[in-house]
Amino acid sequence: MTTSNLDITRYTIQEITGNLEHNSAIWAGCRNKDIQKTISQFLFKAIHGAYCVGEYWLNIPDYEHHAKCATCHGEIESIEHILLECPNNSQKTIWKLAKDIWPANFGAWPRIKLGTILGCGNLHLNKQTPGGQNQNERENNNNNEANDKTKGAARLLRILISESAYLIWIIRCDSTINEKTYTTDN
């Protein structure tokens, strides 16, 4: 499980940033200073497959019913199903709100996949400088300002993705364990 999650994360990060990260960089990304400690632990455990969801329950007599999603009752549950696929939880609303917050001048909102979430601590943006200037002018005039804006936008991206994923997880756990119902009005 861990190896496949690392591979999923590595190749998704490469699609977004162009960098093919090593395992050590992915693990370090889980501890990125922009990500809250509880969320870092969530990401670490999710990469390891440490949560008791889905197939975990299939080998425990009288608990097999826990393997299916408690919200949609359709599929064997997985972290990916909870965070991205379940049609009956709040994840679509949360991802839409995160996308709406993202400033379009820093590029398109990335396609959120499991690897995007697990590797969100490794996400960065390429510097965007205005056209029409030669390279030296751009570097001299805008380097610090563009660098600061790019770093800030990358930080926002890491925060939006990590907080959104963790909120979806928390709502799912509260719904499943405490049988709470959430609506868009809550």
Protein backbone atom coordinates (compact mmCIF):
# COMPACT_ATOMS: atom_id res chain seq x y z
CA MET A 1 0.00 0.00 0.00
CA THR A 2 2.70 2.49 0.99
CA THR A 3 4.77 1.90 -2.15
CA SER A 4 1.80 2.32 -4.49
CA ASN A 5 0.66 5.48 -2.66
CA LEU A 6 4.17 6.92 -2.95
CA ASP A 7 4.19 6.17 -6.68
CA ILE A 8 0.74 7.71 -7.16
CA THR A 9 1.93 10.79 -5.28
CA ARG A 10 5.25 11.03 -7.11
CA TYR A 11 3.72 10.97 -10.60
CA THR A 12 0.88 13.33 -9.72
CA ILE A 13 3.36 15.87 -8.33
CA GLN A 14 5.39 15.49 -11.52
CA GLU A 15 2.29 16.33 -13.62
CA ILE A 16 1.82 19.55 -11.66
CA THR A 17 5.36 20.75 -10.93
CA GLY A 18 7.51 18.93 -13.48
CA ASN A 19 9.65 17.43 -10.68
CA LEU A 20 9.82 13.71 -10.01
CA GLU A 21 10.15 13.57 -6.21
CA HIS A 22 12.04 10.89 -4.27
CA ASN A 23 10.37 9.08 -1.38
CA SER A 24 12.33 11.15 1.16
CA ALA A 25 11.05 14.39 -0.39
CA ILE A 26 7.45 13.14 -0.28
CA TRP A 27 7.82 12.21 3.40
CA ALA A 28 9.39 15.60 4.11
CA GLY A 29 6.50 17.25 2.25
CA CYS A 30 4.10 15.70 4.76
CA ARG A 31 5.85 17.85 7.37
CA ASN A 32 5.79 21.06 5.34
CA LYS A 33 5.57 24.07 7.66
CA ASP A 34 2.46 25.28 5.82
CA ILE A 35 0.52 22.18 6.89
CA GLN A 36 -0.89 21.83 10.40
CA LYS A 37 0.59 19.04 12.50
CA THR A 38 -2.68 17.08 12.73
CA ILE A 39 -3.05 17.26 8.95
CA SER A 40 0.58 16.19 8.49
CA GLN A 41 -0.19 13.12 10.59
CA PHE A 42 -3.31 12.46 8.52
CA LEU A 43 -1.28 12.62 5.28
CA PHE A 44 1.46 10.39 6.71
CA LYS A 45 -1.07 7.76 7.81
CA ALA A 46 -2.99 7.99 4.54
CA ILE A 47 0.18 7.31 2.53
CA HIS A 48 0.87 4.30 4.76
CA GLY A 49 -2.71 3.04 4.42
CA ALA A 50 -3.01 3.08 8.21
CA TYR A 51 -6.70 3.99 8.39
CA CYS A 52 -9.26 1.27 9.01
CA VAL A 53 -11.38 1.72 5.90
CA GLY A 54 -12.64 -0.58 3.20
CA GLU A 55 -10.85 -3.87 2.73
CA TYR A 56 -9.51 -3.78 6.30
CA TRP A 57 -12.97 -4.83 7.52
CA LEU A 58 -13.46 -7.71 5.08
CA ASN A 59 -11.40 -10.15 7.17
CA ILE A 60 -13.09 -9.41 10.49
CA PRO A 61 -16.13 -11.62 11.15
CA ASP A 62 -19.37 -9.70 11.76
CA TYR A 63 -17.76 -6.40 10.66
CA GLU A 64 -17.66 -6.96 6.92
CA HIS A 65 -20.46 -4.43 6.42
CA HIS A 66 -18.05 -1.67 7.50
CA ALA A 67 -16.11 -2.23 4.27
CA LYS A 68 -18.74 -0.44 2.21
CA CYS A 69 -19.10 3.32 2.25
CA ALA A 70 -21.52 4.28 5.04
CA THR A 71 -22.68 7.28 3.04
CA CYS A 72 -23.40 5.94 -0.45
CA HIS A 73 -23.43 2.19 0.39
CA GLY A 74 -22.14 1.54 -3.10
CA GLU A 75 -18.43 0.82 -3.11
CA ILE A 76 -15.77 -0.68 -0.94
CA GLU A 77 -14.55 2.39 0.88
CA SER A 78 -11.05 3.81 0.41
CA ILE A 79 -9.32 7.06 1.21
CA GLU A 80 -9.66 8.01 -2.45
CA HIS A 81 -13.39 7.27 -2.43
CA ILE A 82 -13.89 9.34 0.73
CA LEU A 83 -11.85 12.35 -0.41
CA LEU A 84 -12.75 12.44 -4.10
CA GLU A 85 -15.42 10.04 -5.32
CA CYS A 86 -18.32 9.57 -2.89
CA PRO A 87 -21.40 11.26 -4.36
CA ASN A 88 -23.17 11.54 -1.00
CA ASN A 89 -20.66 13.31 1.21
CA SER A 90 -19.65 16.94 1.34
CA GLN A 91 -16.43 16.55 -0.67
CA LYS A 92 -17.77 18.10 -3.90
CA THR A 93 -18.88 21.24 -2.07
CA ILE A 94 -15.59 21.56 -0.18
CA TRP A 95 -13.44 21.11 -3.31
CA LYS A 96 -15.61 23.65 -5.18
CA LEU A 97 -15.17 26.21 -2.40
CA ALA A 98 -11.39 25.65 -2.37
CA LYS A 99 -11.25 26.08 -6.14
CA ASP A 100 -13.33 29.28 -5.91
CA ILE A 101 -10.86 30.76 -3.39
CA TRP A 102 -7.88 30.07 -5.67
CA PRO A 103 -6.77 33.25 -7.51
CA ALA A 104 -6.86 32.53 -11.25
CA ASN A 105 -3.89 34.83 -11.96
CA PHE A 106 -1.61 32.13 -10.52
CA GLY A 107 -2.77 29.55 -13.03
CA ALA A 108 -5.53 27.02 -13.19
CA TRP A 109 -6.63 25.14 -10.10
CA PRO A 110 -4.94 21.73 -10.33
CA ARG A 111 -6.96 18.61 -10.97
CA ILE A 112 -7.35 17.14 -7.50
CA LYS A 113 -6.41 13.48 -7.38
CA LEU A 114 -5.28 11.26 -4.52
CA GLY A 115 -1.63 12.03 -5.33
CA THR A 116 -2.33 15.77 -5.27
CA ILE A 117 -3.67 15.46 -1.74
CA LEU A 118 -1.00 13.11 -0.43
CA GLY A 119 1.77 15.21 -1.99
CA CYS A 120 0.34 18.65 -1.33
CA GLY A 121 3.34 19.55 0.85
CA ASN A 122 5.57 19.21 -2.22
CA LEU A 123 3.55 21.49 -4.47
CA HIS A 124 5.15 24.66 -5.75
CA LEU A 125 4.46 27.02 -8.62
CA ASN A 126 6.79 28.07 -11.37
CA LYS A 127 7.66 31.76 -11.46
CA GLN A 128 5.38 33.77 -13.68
CA THR A 129 6.82 36.94 -15.07
CA PRO A 130 5.21 39.32 -17.52
CA GLY A 131 6.21 39.00 -21.18
CA GLY A 132 7.80 41.64 -23.30
CA GLN A 133 10.94 42.12 -21.23
CA ASN A 134 14.25 40.47 -21.77
CA GLN A 135 15.41 37.93 -19.21
CA ASN A 136 17.82 40.29 -17.40
CA GLU A 137 15.22 43.05 -17.05
CA ARG A 138 12.66 40.59 -15.71
CA GLU A 139 15.13 39.18 -13.23
CA ASN A 140 16.31 42.60 -12.03
CA ASN A 141 12.91 44.34 -11.87
CA ASN A 142 10.52 41.64 -10.80
CA ASN A 143 12.52 38.78 -9.33
CA ASN A 144 11.88 39.51 -5.67
CA GLU A 145 8.26 40.54 -6.14
CA ALA A 146 7.42 37.63 -8.45
CA ASN A 147 9.26 35.20 -6.20
CA ASP A 148 7.33 36.42 -3.13
CA LYS A 149 3.99 36.19 -4.95
CA THR A 150 4.76 32.73 -6.29
CA LYS A 151 5.81 31.49 -2.85
CA GLY A 152 2.66 32.94 -1.33
CA ALA A 153 0.45 31.35 -3.97
CA ALA A 154 2.16 27.97 -3.51
CA ARG A 155 1.61 28.27 0.23
CA LEU A 156 -2.07 29.04 -0.36
CA LEU A 157 -2.34 26.02 -2.65
CA ARG A 158 -0.80 23.71 -0.03
CA ILE A 159 -3.09 25.09 2.66
CA LEU A 160 -6.27 24.89 0.56
CA ILE A 161 -5.63 21.30 -0.50
CA SER A 162 -4.51 19.99 2.89
CA GLU A 163 -7.25 21.74 4.90
CA SER A 164 -9.97 20.72 2.43
CA ALA A 165 -8.94 17.07 2.42
CA TYR A 166 -8.73 16.96 6.20
CA LEU A 167 -12.13 18.64 6.57
CA ILE A 168 -13.67 16.02 4.28
CA TRP A 169 -12.05 13.27 6.37
CA ILE A 170 -13.27 14.77 9.66
CA ILE A 171 -16.82 15.19 8.36
CA ARG A 172 -16.81 11.61 7.06
CA CYS A 173 -15.57 10.25 10.41
CA ASP A 174 -18.13 12.27 12.34
CA SER A 175 -20.90 11.09 10.01
CA THR A 176 -19.82 7.45 10.19
CA ILE A 177 -18.92 7.15 13.86
CA ASN A 178 -21.36 9.61 15.45
CA GLU A 179 -24.05 9.25 12.78
CA LYS A 180 -24.15 13.02 12.31
CA THR A 181 -25.72 14.43 9.18
CA TYR A 182 -24.16 17.38 7.40
CA THR A 183 -25.77 19.57 4.77
CA THR A 184 -24.54 22.64 2.93
CA ASP A 185 -26.46 24.70 5.52
CA ASN A 186 -24.38 23.38 8.49
